[in-house]
Amino acid sequence: MSGIPACPKCQSPYAYEDGSLLICPECGHEWTPGSEGASDAAKEVRDANGNVLADGDTVTVIKDLKVKGSSLVVKVGTKVKNIRLVDGDHDIDCKIDGIGQMGLKSEFVKKI
């Protein structure tokens, strides 16, 4: 046994060292030794006022937002219930009445 830990992403035992990094040849994941637990920490998402958001919260839109690919607009003050936090540029996934499923940026909402 070489003492190199299994890949934290795919659990492959074939990880190898390359300089100061550990690399998994199966999934291509690269990490530094000792940082396996750090990637499991949840990203903290905050609204425009700095309040921490969580899944299931209700928020209000603070700016008119054009819906890409359509002539619809999400107006200021629109209440969005039961949000879901996701990774990516648009970090809130939600359903807005009259528009449907959407992705919002947390900087354009405030928690109620």
PDB file of N, CA and C in Angstrom:
ATOM      1  N   MET A   1       0.851  -1.183   0.000  1.00  0.00           N
ATOM      2  CA  MET A   1       0.000   0.000   0.000  1.00  0.00           C
ATOM      3  C   MET A   1       0.885   1.230   0.000  1.00  0.00           C
ATOM      4  N   SER A   2       0.593   2.185  -0.851  1.00  0.00           N
ATOM      5  CA  SER A   2       1.458   3.343  -1.047  1.00  0.00           C
ATOM      6  C   SER A   2       1.159   4.485  -0.085  1.00  0.00           C
ATOM      7  N   GLY A   3       0.053   4.467   0.609  1.00  0.00           N
ATOM      8  CA  GLY A   3      -0.282   5.540   1.542  1.00  0.00           C
ATOM      9  C   GLY A   3      -1.006   6.701   0.887  1.00  0.00           C
ATOM     10  N   ILE A   4      -1.242   6.629  -0.408  1.00  0.00           N
ATOM     11  CA  ILE A   4      -1.989   7.685  -1.104  1.00  0.00           C
ATOM     12  C   ILE A   4      -3.473   7.389  -0.941  1.00  0.00           C
ATOM     13  N   PRO A   5      -4.261   8.372  -0.465  1.00  0.00           N
ATOM     14  CA  PRO A   5      -5.694   8.121  -0.243  1.00  0.00           C
ATOM     15  C   PRO A   5      -6.457   7.960  -1.552  1.00  0.00           C
ATOM     16  N   ALA A   6      -7.613   7.340  -1.457  1.00  0.00           N
ATOM     17  CA  ALA A   6      -8.497   7.184  -2.616  1.00  0.00           C
ATOM     18  C   ALA A   6      -9.048   8.553  -3.025  1.00  0.00           C
ATOM     19  N   CYS A   7      -9.451   8.668  -4.263  1.00  0.00           N
ATOM     20  CA  CYS A   7     -10.006   9.922  -4.785  1.00  0.00           C
ATOM     21  C   CYS A   7     -11.269  10.297  -3.998  1.00  0.00           C
ATOM     22  N   PRO A   8     -11.361  11.545  -3.482  1.00  0.00           N
ATOM     23  CA  PRO A   8     -12.554  11.924  -2.725  1.00  0.00           C
ATOM     24  C   PRO A   8     -13.797  12.092  -3.587  1.00  0.00           C
ATOM     25  N   LYS A   9     -13.612  12.206  -4.905  1.00  0.00           N
ATOM     26  CA  LYS A   9     -14.751  12.409  -5.799  1.00  0.00           C
ATOM     27  C   LYS A   9     -15.364  11.085  -6.263  1.00  0.00           C
ATOM     28  N   CYS A  10     -14.503  10.156  -6.732  1.00  0.00           N
ATOM     29  CA  CYS A  10     -15.036   8.899  -7.284  1.00  0.00           C
ATOM     30  C   CYS A  10     -14.592   7.659  -6.510  1.00  0.00           C
ATOM     31  N   GLN A  11     -13.787   7.826  -5.450  1.00  0.00           N
ATOM     32  CA  GLN A  11     -13.291   6.741  -4.599  1.00  0.00           C
ATOM     33  C   GLN A  11     -12.377   5.765  -5.336  1.00  0.00           C
ATOM     34  N   SER A  12     -11.753   6.195  -6.432  1.00  0.00           N
ATOM     35  CA  SER A  12     -10.825   5.344  -7.165  1.00  0.00           C
ATOM     36  C   SER A  12      -9.544   5.148  -6.359  1.00  0.00           C
ATOM     37  N   PRO A  13      -9.036   3.920  -6.293  1.00  0.00           N
ATOM     38  CA  PRO A  13      -7.795   3.673  -5.541  1.00  0.00           C
ATOM     39  C   PRO A  13      -6.533   3.976  -6.357  1.00  0.00           C
ATOM     40  N   TYR A  14      -6.663   4.429  -7.596  1.00  0.00           N
ATOM     41  CA  TYR A  14      -5.528   4.606  -8.492  1.00  0.00           C
ATOM     42  C   TYR A  14      -4.971   6.029  -8.527  1.00  0.00           C
ATOM     43  N   ALA A  15      -5.194   6.816  -7.495  1.00  0.00           N
ATOM     44  CA  ALA A  15      -4.683   8.190  -7.444  1.00  0.00           C
ATOM     45  C   ALA A  15      -3.158   8.160  -7.381  1.00  0.00           C
ATOM     46  N   TYR A  16      -2.536   9.212  -7.934  1.00  0.00           N
ATOM     47  CA  TYR A  16      -1.076   9.300  -7.912  1.00  0.00           C
ATOM     48  C   TYR A  16      -0.642  10.730  -7.609  1.00  0.00           C
ATOM     49  N   GLU A  17       0.619  10.876  -7.182  1.00  0.00           N
ATOM     50  CA  GLU A  17       1.180  12.187  -6.839  1.00  0.00           C
ATOM     51  C   GLU A  17       1.807  12.821  -8.077  1.00  0.00           C
ATOM     52  N   ASP A  18       1.626  14.126  -8.210  1.00  0.00           N
ATOM     53  CA  ASP A  18       2.289  14.898  -9.258  1.00  0.00           C
ATOM     54  C   ASP A  18       2.706  16.218  -8.625  1.00  0.00           C
ATOM     55  N   GLY A  19       3.931  16.264  -8.151  1.00  0.00           N
ATOM     56  CA  GLY A  19       4.388  17.440  -7.418  1.00  0.00           C
ATOM     57  C   GLY A  19       3.689  17.495  -6.077  1.00  0.00           C
ATOM     58  N   SER A  20       2.985  18.602  -5.809  1.00  0.00           N
ATOM     59  CA  SER A  20       2.277  18.735  -4.531  1.00  0.00           C
ATOM     60  C   SER A  20       0.807  18.334  -4.633  1.00  0.00           C
ATOM     61  N   LEU A  21       0.356  17.929  -5.822  1.00  0.00           N
ATOM     62  CA  LEU A  21      -1.047  17.546  -6.036  1.00  0.00           C
ATOM     63  C   LEU A  21      -1.208  16.034  -6.087  1.00  0.00           C
ATOM     64  N   LEU A  22      -2.393  15.601  -5.755  1.00  0.00           N
ATOM     65  CA  LEU A  22      -2.797  14.213  -5.977  1.00  0.00           C
ATOM     66  C   LEU A  22      -3.789  14.244  -7.138  1.00  0.00           C
ATOM     67  N   ILE A  23      -3.669  13.301  -8.069  1.00  0.00           N
ATOM     68  CA  ILE A  23      -4.501  13.291  -9.276  1.00  0.00           C
ATOM     69  C   ILE A  23      -5.145  11.928  -9.440  1.00  0.00           C
ATOM     70  N   CYS A  24      -6.428  11.936  -9.818  1.00  0.00           N
ATOM     71  CA  CYS A  24      -7.159  10.698 -10.097  1.00  0.00           C
ATOM     72  C   CYS A  24      -7.182  10.497 -11.613  1.00  0.00           C
ATOM     73  N   PRO A  25      -6.640   9.399 -12.127  1.00  0.00           N
ATOM     74  CA  PRO A  25      -6.639   9.176 -13.569  1.00  0.00           C
ATOM     75  C   PRO A  25      -8.008   8.793 -14.135  1.00  0.00           C
ATOM     76  N   GLU A  26      -8.920   8.364 -13.285  1.00  0.00           N
ATOM     77  CA  GLU A  26     -10.227   7.929 -13.771  1.00  0.00           C
ATOM     78  C   GLU A  26     -11.191   9.090 -13.999  1.00  0.00           C
ATOM     79  N   CYS A  27     -11.246  10.048 -13.035  1.00  0.00           N
ATOM     80  CA  CYS A  27     -12.201  11.164 -13.182  1.00  0.00           C
ATOM     81  C   CYS A  27     -11.510  12.499 -13.421  1.00  0.00           C
ATOM     82  N   GLY A  28     -10.166  12.542 -13.280  1.00  0.00           N
ATOM     83  CA  GLY A  28      -9.433  13.774 -13.526  1.00  0.00           C
ATOM     84  C   GLY A  28      -9.431  14.752 -12.371  1.00  0.00           C
ATOM     85  N   HIS A  29      -9.966  14.365 -11.228  1.00  0.00           N
ATOM     86  CA  HIS A  29     -10.023  15.253 -10.063  1.00  0.00           C
ATOM     87  C   HIS A  29      -8.623  15.474  -9.504  1.00  0.00           C
ATOM     88  N   GLU A  30      -8.294  16.736  -9.177  1.00  0.00           N
ATOM     89  CA  GLU A  30      -7.013  17.076  -8.570  1.00  0.00           C
ATOM     90  C   GLU A  30      -7.266  17.683  -7.195  1.00  0.00           C
ATOM     91  N   TRP A  31      -6.451  17.330  -6.201  1.00  0.00           N
ATOM     92  CA  TRP A  31      -6.602  17.881  -4.868  1.00  0.00           C
ATOM     93  C   TRP A  31      -5.256  17.854  -4.164  1.00  0.00           C
ATOM     94  N   THR A  32      -5.149  18.641  -3.112  1.00  0.00           N
ATOM     95  CA  THR A  32      -3.933  18.642  -2.302  1.00  0.00           C
ATOM     96  C   THR A  32      -4.156  17.725  -1.108  1.00  0.00           C
ATOM     97  N   PRO A  33      -3.117  17.061  -0.660  1.00  0.00           N
ATOM     98  CA  PRO A  33      -3.268  16.173   0.496  1.00  0.00           C
ATOM     99  C   PRO A  33      -3.760  16.941   1.713  1.00  0.00           C
ATOM    100  N   GLY A  34      -4.754  16.395   2.407  1.00  0.00           N
ATOM    101  CA  GLY A  34      -5.292  17.039   3.599  1.00  0.00           C
ATOM    102  C   GLY A  34      -6.462  17.953   3.326  1.00  0.00           C
ATOM    103  N   SER A  35      -6.824  18.160   2.067  1.00  0.00           N
ATOM    104  CA  SER A  35      -7.934  19.073   1.754  1.00  0.00           C
ATOM    105  C   SER A  35      -9.219  18.335   1.426  1.00  0.00           C
ATOM    106  N   GLU A  36      -9.248  17.023   1.640  1.00  0.00           N
ATOM    107  CA  GLU A  36     -10.440  16.247   1.271  1.00  0.00           C
ATOM    108  C   GLU A  36     -11.679  16.714   2.005  1.00  0.00           C
ATOM    109  N   GLY A  37     -11.587  17.035   3.297  1.00  0.00           N
ATOM    110  CA  GLY A  37     -12.734  17.453   4.098  1.00  0.00           C
ATOM    111  C   GLY A  37     -13.165  18.875   3.799  1.00  0.00           C
ATOM    112  N   ALA A  38     -12.271  19.709   3.286  1.00  0.00           N
ATOM    113  CA  ALA A  38     -12.592  21.111   3.044  1.00  0.00           C
ATOM    114  C   ALA A  38     -13.591  21.280   1.907  1.00  0.00           C
ATOM    115  N   SER A  39     -13.581  20.377   0.929  1.00  0.00           N
ATOM    116  CA  SER A  39     -14.494  20.521  -0.198  1.00  0.00           C
ATOM    117  C   SER A  39     -15.928  20.129   0.169  1.00  0.00           C
ATOM    118  N   ASP A  40     -16.101  19.420   1.290  1.00  0.00           N
ATOM    119  CA  ASP A  40     -17.433  19.007   1.712  1.00  0.00           C
ATOM    120  C   ASP A  40     -18.213  20.131   2.397  1.00  0.00           C
ATOM    121  N   ALA A  41     -17.542  21.188   2.795  1.00  0.00           N
ATOM    122  CA  ALA A  41     -18.209  22.300   3.483  1.00  0.00           C
ATOM    123  C   ALA A  41     -19.189  22.977   2.535  1.00  0.00           C
ATOM    124  N   ALA A  42     -20.374  23.268   3.043  1.00  0.00           N
ATOM    125  CA  ALA A  42     -21.409  23.880   2.215  1.00  0.00           C
ATOM    126  C   ALA A  42     -21.078  25.349   1.960  1.00  0.00           C
ATOM    127  N   LYS A  43     -21.344  25.779   0.744  1.00  0.00           N
ATOM    128  CA  LYS A  43     -21.126  27.172   0.375  1.00  0.00           C
ATOM    129  C   LYS A  43     -22.241  28.010   1.004  1.00  0.00           C
ATOM    130  N   GLU A  44     -21.859  29.116   1.614  1.00  0.00           N
ATOM    131  CA  GLU A  44     -22.830  29.985   2.261  1.00  0.00           C
ATOM    132  C   GLU A  44     -23.343  31.004   1.242  1.00  0.00           C
ATOM    133  N   VAL A  45     -24.645  31.032   1.013  1.00  0.00           N
ATOM    134  CA  VAL A  45     -25.254  31.959   0.058  1.00  0.00           C
ATOM    135  C   VAL A  45     -25.941  33.071   0.832  1.00  0.00           C
ATOM    136  N   ARG A  46     -25.654  34.313   0.459  1.00  0.00           N
ATOM    137  CA  ARG A  46     -26.230  35.476   1.141  1.00  0.00           C
ATOM    138  C   ARG A  46     -27.047  36.298   0.157  1.00  0.00           C
ATOM    139  N   ASP A  47     -28.100  36.970   0.690  1.00  0.00           N
ATOM    140  CA  ASP A  47     -28.931  37.839  -0.144  1.00  0.00           C
ATOM    141  C   ASP A  47     -28.286  39.217  -0.270  1.00  0.00           C
ATOM    142  N   ALA A  48     -28.991  40.167  -0.878  1.00  0.00           N
ATOM    143  CA  ALA A  48     -28.466  41.509  -1.109  1.00  0.00           C
ATOM    144  C   ALA A  48     -28.173  42.249   0.190  1.00  0.00           C
ATOM    145  N   ASN A  49     -28.851  41.912   1.279  1.00  0.00           N
ATOM    146  CA  ASN A  49     -28.636  42.561   2.575  1.00  0.00           C
ATOM    147  C   ASN A  49     -27.631  41.831   3.450  1.00  0.00           C
ATOM    148  N   GLY A  50     -27.119  40.710   2.994  1.00  0.00           N
ATOM    149  CA  GLY A  50     -26.137  39.960   3.762  1.00  0.00           C
ATOM    150  C   GLY A  50     -26.710  38.873   4.632  1.00  0.00           C
ATOM    151  N   ASN A  51     -28.004  38.615   4.553  1.00  0.00           N
ATOM    152  CA  ASN A  51     -28.630  37.536   5.331  1.00  0.00           C
ATOM    153  C   ASN A  51     -28.323  36.196   4.677  1.00  0.00           C
ATOM    154  N   VAL A  52     -28.059  35.185   5.490  1.00  0.00           N
ATOM    155  CA  VAL A  52     -27.775  33.848   4.982  1.00  0.00           C
ATOM    156  C   VAL A  52     -29.071  33.203   4.508  1.00  0.00           C
ATOM    157  N   LEU A  53     -29.039  32.642   3.291  1.00  0.00           N
ATOM    158  CA  LEU A  53     -30.207  31.968   2.722  1.00  0.00           C
ATOM    159  C   LEU A  53     -30.079  30.458   2.913  1.00  0.00           C
ATOM    160  N   ALA A  54     -31.221  29.789   3.009  1.00  0.00           N
ATOM    161  CA  ALA A  54     -31.265  28.333   3.142  1.00  0.00           C
ATOM    162  C   ALA A  54     -32.372  27.787   2.249  1.00  0.00           C
ATOM    163  N   ASP A  55     -32.316  26.496   1.970  1.00  0.00           N
ATOM    164  CA  ASP A  55     -33.376  25.852   1.185  1.00  0.00           C
ATOM    165  C   ASP A  55     -34.712  26.049   1.876  1.00  0.00           C
ATOM    166  N   GLY A  56     -35.753  26.378   1.091  1.00  0.00           N
ATOM    167  CA  GLY A  56     -37.092  26.530   1.625  1.00  0.00           C
ATOM    168  C   GLY A  56     -37.438  27.942   2.060  1.00  0.00           C
ATOM    169  N   ASP A  57     -36.471  28.868   2.027  1.00  0.00           N
ATOM    170  CA  ASP A  57     -36.744  30.256   2.414  1.00  0.00           C
ATOM    171  C   ASP A  57     -37.660  30.939   1.405  1.00  0.00           C
ATOM    172  N   THR A  58     -38.259  32.049   1.847  1.00  0.00           N
ATOM    173  CA  THR A  58     -39.054  32.904   0.967  1.00  0.00           C
ATOM    174  C   THR A  58     -38.287  34.206   0.782  1.00  0.00           C
ATOM    175  N   VAL A  59     -38.164  34.640  -0.470  1.00  0.00           N
ATOM    176  CA  VAL A  59     -37.419  35.855  -0.782  1.00  0.00           C
ATOM    177  C   VAL A  59     -38.265  36.776  -1.656  1.00  0.00           C
ATOM    178  N   THR A  60     -37.828  38.035  -1.767  1.00  0.00           N
ATOM    179  CA  THR A  60     -38.475  39.021  -2.635  1.00  0.00           C
ATOM    180  C   THR A  60     -37.445  39.547  -3.616  1.00  0.00           C
ATOM    181  N   VAL A  61     -37.860  39.781  -4.837  1.00  0.00           N
ATOM    182  CA  VAL A  61     -36.982  40.336  -5.864  1.00  0.00           C
ATOM    183  C   VAL A  61     -36.844  41.838  -5.618  1.00  0.00           C
ATOM    184  N   ILE A  62     -35.603  42.374  -5.680  1.00  0.00           N
ATOM    185  CA  ILE A  62     -35.376  43.788  -5.380  1.00  0.00           C
ATOM    186  C   ILE A  62     -35.101  44.623  -6.626  1.00  0.00           C
ATOM    187  N   LYS A  63     -35.152  44.006  -7.812  1.00  0.00           N
ATOM    188  CA  LYS A  63     -34.865  44.715  -9.054  1.00  0.00           C
ATOM    189  C   LYS A  63     -35.653  44.053 -10.177  1.00  0.00           C
ATOM    190  N   ASP A  64     -36.150  44.846 -11.141  1.00  0.00           N
ATOM    191  CA  ASP A  64     -36.801  44.261 -12.309  1.00  0.00           C
ATOM    192  C   ASP A  64     -35.793  43.394 -13.053  1.00  0.00           C
ATOM    193  N   LEU A  65     -36.163  42.142 -13.335  1.00  0.00           N
ATOM    194  CA  LEU A  65     -35.274  41.212 -14.011  1.00  0.00           C
ATOM    195  C   LEU A  65     -35.901  40.747 -15.317  1.00  0.00           C
ATOM    196  N   LYS A  66     -35.209  40.958 -16.422  1.00  0.00           N
ATOM    197  CA  LYS A  66     -35.682  40.467 -17.715  1.00  0.00           C
ATOM    198  C   LYS A  66     -35.426  38.970 -17.788  1.00  0.00           C
ATOM    199  N   VAL A  67     -36.380  38.238 -18.346  1.00  0.00           N
ATOM    200  CA  VAL A  67     -36.245  36.792 -18.508  1.00  0.00           C
ATOM    201  C   VAL A  67     -35.613  36.555 -19.875  1.00  0.00           C
ATOM    202  N   LYS A  68     -34.441  35.952 -19.875  1.00  0.00           N
ATOM    203  CA  LYS A  68     -33.694  35.733 -21.108  1.00  0.00           C
ATOM    204  C   LYS A  68     -34.479  34.843 -22.073  1.00  0.00           C
ATOM    205  N   GLY A  69     -34.552  35.265 -23.324  1.00  0.00           N
ATOM    206  CA  GLY A  69     -35.245  34.492 -24.344  1.00  0.00           C
ATOM    207  C   GLY A  69     -36.742  34.704 -24.366  1.00  0.00           C
ATOM    208  N   SER A  70     -37.233  35.709 -23.664  1.00  0.00           N
ATOM    209  CA  SER A  70     -38.663  35.967 -23.597  1.00  0.00           C
ATOM    210  C   SER A  70     -38.891  37.446 -23.356  1.00  0.00           C
ATOM    211  N   SER A  71     -40.123  37.887 -23.525  1.00  0.00           N
ATOM    212  CA  SER A  71     -40.437  39.292 -23.276  1.00  0.00           C
ATOM    213  C   SER A  71     -40.963  39.513 -21.862  1.00  0.00           C
ATOM    214  N   LEU A  72     -40.943  38.468 -21.032  1.00  0.00           N
ATOM    215  CA  LEU A  72     -41.434  38.562 -19.662  1.00  0.00           C
ATOM    216  C   LEU A  72     -40.437  39.279 -18.760  1.00  0.00           C
ATOM    217  N   VAL A  73     -40.949  39.904 -17.705  1.00  0.00           N
ATOM    218  CA  VAL A  73     -40.121  40.588 -16.712  1.00  0.00           C
ATOM    219  C   VAL A  73     -40.586  40.174 -15.325  1.00  0.00           C
ATOM    220  N   VAL A  74     -39.629  39.868 -14.453  1.00  0.00           N
ATOM    221  CA  VAL A  74     -39.940  39.604 -13.048  1.00  0.00           C
ATOM    222  C   VAL A  74     -39.864  40.958 -12.360  1.00  0.00           C
ATOM    223  N   LYS A  75     -40.989  41.437 -11.846  1.00  0.00           N
ATOM    224  CA  LYS A  75     -41.081  42.787 -11.278  1.00  0.00           C
ATOM    225  C   LYS A  75     -40.527  42.863  -9.858  1.00  0.00           C
ATOM    226  N   VAL A  76     -40.151  44.072  -9.458  1.00  0.00           N
ATOM    227  CA  VAL A  76     -39.703  44.341  -8.095  1.00  0.00           C
ATOM    228  C   VAL A  76     -40.824  43.960  -7.129  1.00  0.00           C
ATOM    229  N   GLY A  77     -40.478  43.329  -6.032  1.00  0.00           N
ATOM    230  CA  GLY A  77     -41.461  42.957  -5.024  1.00  0.00           C
ATOM    231  C   GLY A  77     -42.100  41.601  -5.243  1.00  0.00           C
ATOM    232  N   THR A  78     -41.732  40.905  -6.329  1.00  0.00           N
ATOM    233  CA  THR A  78     -42.273  39.570  -6.569  1.00  0.00           C
ATOM    234  C   THR A  78     -41.800  38.635  -5.464  1.00  0.00           C
ATOM    235  N   LYS A  79     -42.752  37.958  -4.818  1.00  0.00           N
ATOM    236  CA  LYS A  79     -42.432  37.033  -3.727  1.00  0.00           C
ATOM    237  C   LYS A  79     -42.163  35.656  -4.325  1.00  0.00           C
ATOM    238  N   VAL A  80     -41.043  35.068  -3.940  1.00  0.00           N
ATOM    239  CA  VAL A  80     -40.657  33.741  -4.402  1.00  0.00           C
ATOM    240  C   VAL A  80     -40.571  32.832  -3.187  1.00  0.00           C
ATOM    241  N   LYS A  81     -41.430  31.813  -3.161  1.00  0.00           N
ATOM    242  CA  LYS A  81     -41.497  30.892  -2.019  1.00  0.00           C
ATOM    243  C   LYS A  81     -40.695  29.628  -2.298  1.00  0.00           C
ATOM    244  N   ASN A  82     -40.217  29.018  -1.226  1.00  0.00           N
ATOM    245  CA  ASN A  82     -39.591  27.700  -1.279  1.00  0.00           C
ATOM    246  C   ASN A  82     -38.428  27.628  -2.271  1.00  0.00           C
ATOM    247  N   ILE A  83     -37.412  28.458  -2.052  1.00  0.00           N
ATOM    248  CA  ILE A  83     -36.255  28.446  -2.938  1.00  0.00           C
ATOM    249  C   ILE A  83     -35.388  27.225  -2.672  1.00  0.00           C
ATOM    250  N   ARG A  84     -34.548  26.901  -3.648  1.00  0.00           N
ATOM    251  CA  ARG A  84     -33.597  25.800  -3.514  1.00  0.00           C
ATOM    252  C   ARG A  84     -32.232  26.337  -3.922  1.00  0.00           C
ATOM    253  N   LEU A  85     -31.223  26.145  -3.100  1.00  0.00           N
ATOM    254  CA  LEU A  85     -29.879  26.635  -3.383  1.00  0.00           C
ATOM    255  C   LEU A  85     -29.128  25.610  -4.226  1.00  0.00           C
ATOM    256  N   VAL A  86     -28.454  26.104  -5.263  1.00  0.00           N
ATOM    257  CA  VAL A  86     -27.686  25.247  -6.166  1.00  0.00           C
ATOM    258  C   VAL A  86     -26.321  25.876  -6.408  1.00  0.00           C
ATOM    259  N   ASP A  87     -25.396  25.104  -6.947  1.00  0.00           N
ATOM    260  CA  ASP A  87     -24.083  25.623  -7.320  1.00  0.00           C
ATOM    261  C   ASP A  87     -24.165  26.275  -8.681  1.00  0.00           C
ATOM    262  N   GLY A  88     -23.318  27.256  -8.917  1.00  0.00           N
ATOM    263  CA  GLY A  88     -23.259  27.910 -10.210  1.00  0.00           C
ATOM    264  C   GLY A  88     -23.445  29.407 -10.090  1.00  0.00           C
ATOM    265  N   ASP A  89     -23.502  30.063 -11.244  1.00  0.00           N
ATOM    266  CA  ASP A  89     -23.634  31.516 -11.295  1.00  0.00           C
ATOM    267  C   ASP A  89     -24.986  31.960 -10.736  1.00  0.00           C
ATOM    268  N   HIS A  90     -26.051  31.305 -11.169  1.00  0.00           N
ATOM    269  CA  HIS A  90     -27.394  31.573 -10.642  1.00  0.00           C
ATOM    270  C   HIS A  90     -27.600  30.578  -9.510  1.00  0.00           C
ATOM    271  N   ASP A  91     -27.424  31.042  -8.261  1.00  0.00           N
ATOM    272  CA  ASP A  91     -27.368  30.118  -7.143  1.00  0.00           C
ATOM    273  C   ASP A  91     -28.696  29.843  -6.459  1.00  0.00           C
ATOM    274  N   ILE A  92     -29.805  30.352  -7.004  1.00  0.00           N
ATOM    275  CA  ILE A  92     -31.132  30.062  -6.460  1.00  0.00           C
ATOM    276  C   ILE A  92     -31.980  29.455  -7.572  1.00  0.00           C
ATOM    277  N   ASP A  93     -32.564  28.313  -7.298  1.00  0.00           N
ATOM    278  CA  ASP A  93     -33.480  27.660  -8.224  1.00  0.00           C
ATOM    279  C   ASP A  93     -34.875  27.792  -7.626  1.00  0.00           C
ATOM    280  N   CYS A  94     -35.844  28.252  -8.417  1.00  0.00           N
ATOM    281  CA  CYS A  94     -37.177  28.493  -7.863  1.00  0.00           C
ATOM    282  C   CYS A  94     -38.232  28.407  -8.959  1.00  0.00           C
ATOM    283  N   LYS A  95     -39.491  28.504  -8.532  1.00  0.00           N
ATOM    284  CA  LYS A  95     -40.621  28.536  -9.448  1.00  0.00           C
ATOM    285  C   LYS A  95     -41.386  29.818  -9.151  1.00  0.00           C
ATOM    286  N   ILE A  96     -41.571  30.649 -10.184  1.00  0.00           N
ATOM    287  CA  ILE A  96     -42.259  31.924 -10.031  1.00  0.00           C
ATOM    288  C   ILE A  96     -43.615  31.827 -10.717  1.00  0.00           C
ATOM    289  N   ASP A  97     -44.680  32.215  -9.993  1.00  0.00           N
ATOM    290  CA  ASP A  97     -46.029  32.158 -10.550  1.00  0.00           C
ATOM    291  C   ASP A  97     -46.113  33.007 -11.814  1.00  0.00           C
ATOM    292  N   GLY A  98     -46.684  32.453 -12.871  1.00  0.00           N
ATOM    293  CA  GLY A  98     -46.854  33.158 -14.129  1.00  0.00           C
ATOM    294  C   GLY A  98     -45.658  33.073 -15.056  1.00  0.00           C
ATOM    295  N   ILE A  99     -44.521  32.625 -14.547  1.00  0.00           N
ATOM    296  CA  ILE A  99     -43.312  32.534 -15.369  1.00  0.00           C
ATOM    297  C   ILE A  99     -42.816  31.095 -15.440  1.00  0.00           C
ATOM    298  N   GLY A 100     -42.730  30.432 -14.296  1.00  0.00           N
ATOM    299  CA  GLY A 100     -42.286  29.048 -14.253  1.00  0.00           C
ATOM    300  C   GLY A 100     -40.949  28.887 -13.577  1.00  0.00           C
ATOM    301  N   GLN A 101     -40.258  27.803 -13.919  1.00  0.00           N
ATOM    302  CA  GLN A 101     -38.976  27.471 -13.313  1.00  0.00           C
ATOM    303  C   GLN A 101     -37.924  28.477 -13.736  1.00  0.00           C
ATOM    304  N   MET A 102     -37.129  28.977 -12.762  1.00  0.00           N
ATOM    305  CA  MET A 102     -36.109  29.979 -13.041  1.00  0.00           C
ATOM    306  C   MET A 102     -34.906  29.798 -12.141  1.00  0.00           C
ATOM    307  N   GLY A 103     -33.795  30.365 -12.590  1.00  0.00           N
ATOM    308  CA  GLY A 103     -32.599  30.479 -11.773  1.00  0.00           C
ATOM    309  C   GLY A 103     -32.372  31.947 -11.479  1.00  0.00           C
ATOM    310  N   LEU A 104     -32.140  32.297 -10.222  1.00  0.00           N
ATOM    311  CA  LEU A 104     -31.907  33.688  -9.825  1.00  0.00           C
ATOM    312  C   LEU A 104     -30.548  33.816  -9.173  1.00  0.00           C
ATOM    313  N   LYS A 105     -29.988  35.016  -9.249  1.00  0.00           N
ATOM    314  CA  LYS A 105     -28.765  35.318  -8.519  1.00  0.00           C
ATOM    315  C   LYS A 105     -29.158  35.864  -7.156  1.00  0.00           C
ATOM    316  N   SER A 106     -28.435  35.461  -6.141  1.00  0.00           N
ATOM    317  CA  SER A 106     -28.772  35.866  -4.776  1.00  0.00           C
ATOM    318  C   SER A 106     -28.600  37.365  -4.554  1.00  0.00           C
ATOM    319  N   GLU A 107     -27.829  38.041  -5.378  1.00  0.00           N
ATOM    320  CA  GLU A 107     -27.624  39.486  -5.205  1.00  0.00           C
ATOM    321  C   GLU A 107     -28.861  40.311  -5.578  1.00  0.00           C
ATOM    322  N   PHE A 108     -29.856  39.705  -6.216  1.00  0.00           N
ATOM    323  CA  PHE A 108     -31.060  40.420  -6.632  1.00  0.00           C
ATOM    324  C   PHE A 108     -32.278  40.070  -5.804  1.00  0.00           C
ATOM    325  N   VAL A 109     -32.074  39.408  -4.669  1.00  0.00           N
ATOM    326  CA  VAL A 109     -33.202  39.052  -3.797  1.00  0.00           C
ATOM    327  C   VAL A 109     -32.888  39.452  -2.358  1.00  0.00           C
ATOM    328  N   LYS A 110     -33.951  39.588  -1.548  1.00  0.00           N
ATOM    329  CA  LYS A 110     -33.770  39.776  -0.109  1.00  0.00           C
ATOM    330  C   LYS A 110     -34.708  38.818   0.618  1.00  0.00           C
ATOM    331  N   LYS A 111     -34.244  38.339   1.763  1.00  0.00           N
ATOM    332  CA  LYS A 111     -34.990  37.368   2.555  1.00  0.00           C
ATOM    333  C   LYS A 111     -36.136  38.058   3.273  1.00  0.00           C
ATOM    334  N   ILE A 112     -37.290  37.386   3.317  1.00  0.00           N
ATOM    335  CA  ILE A 112     -38.457  37.940   4.020  1.00  0.00           C
ATOM    336  C   ILE A 112     -38.462  37.393   5.431  1.00  0.00           C
TER     337      ILE A 112
END
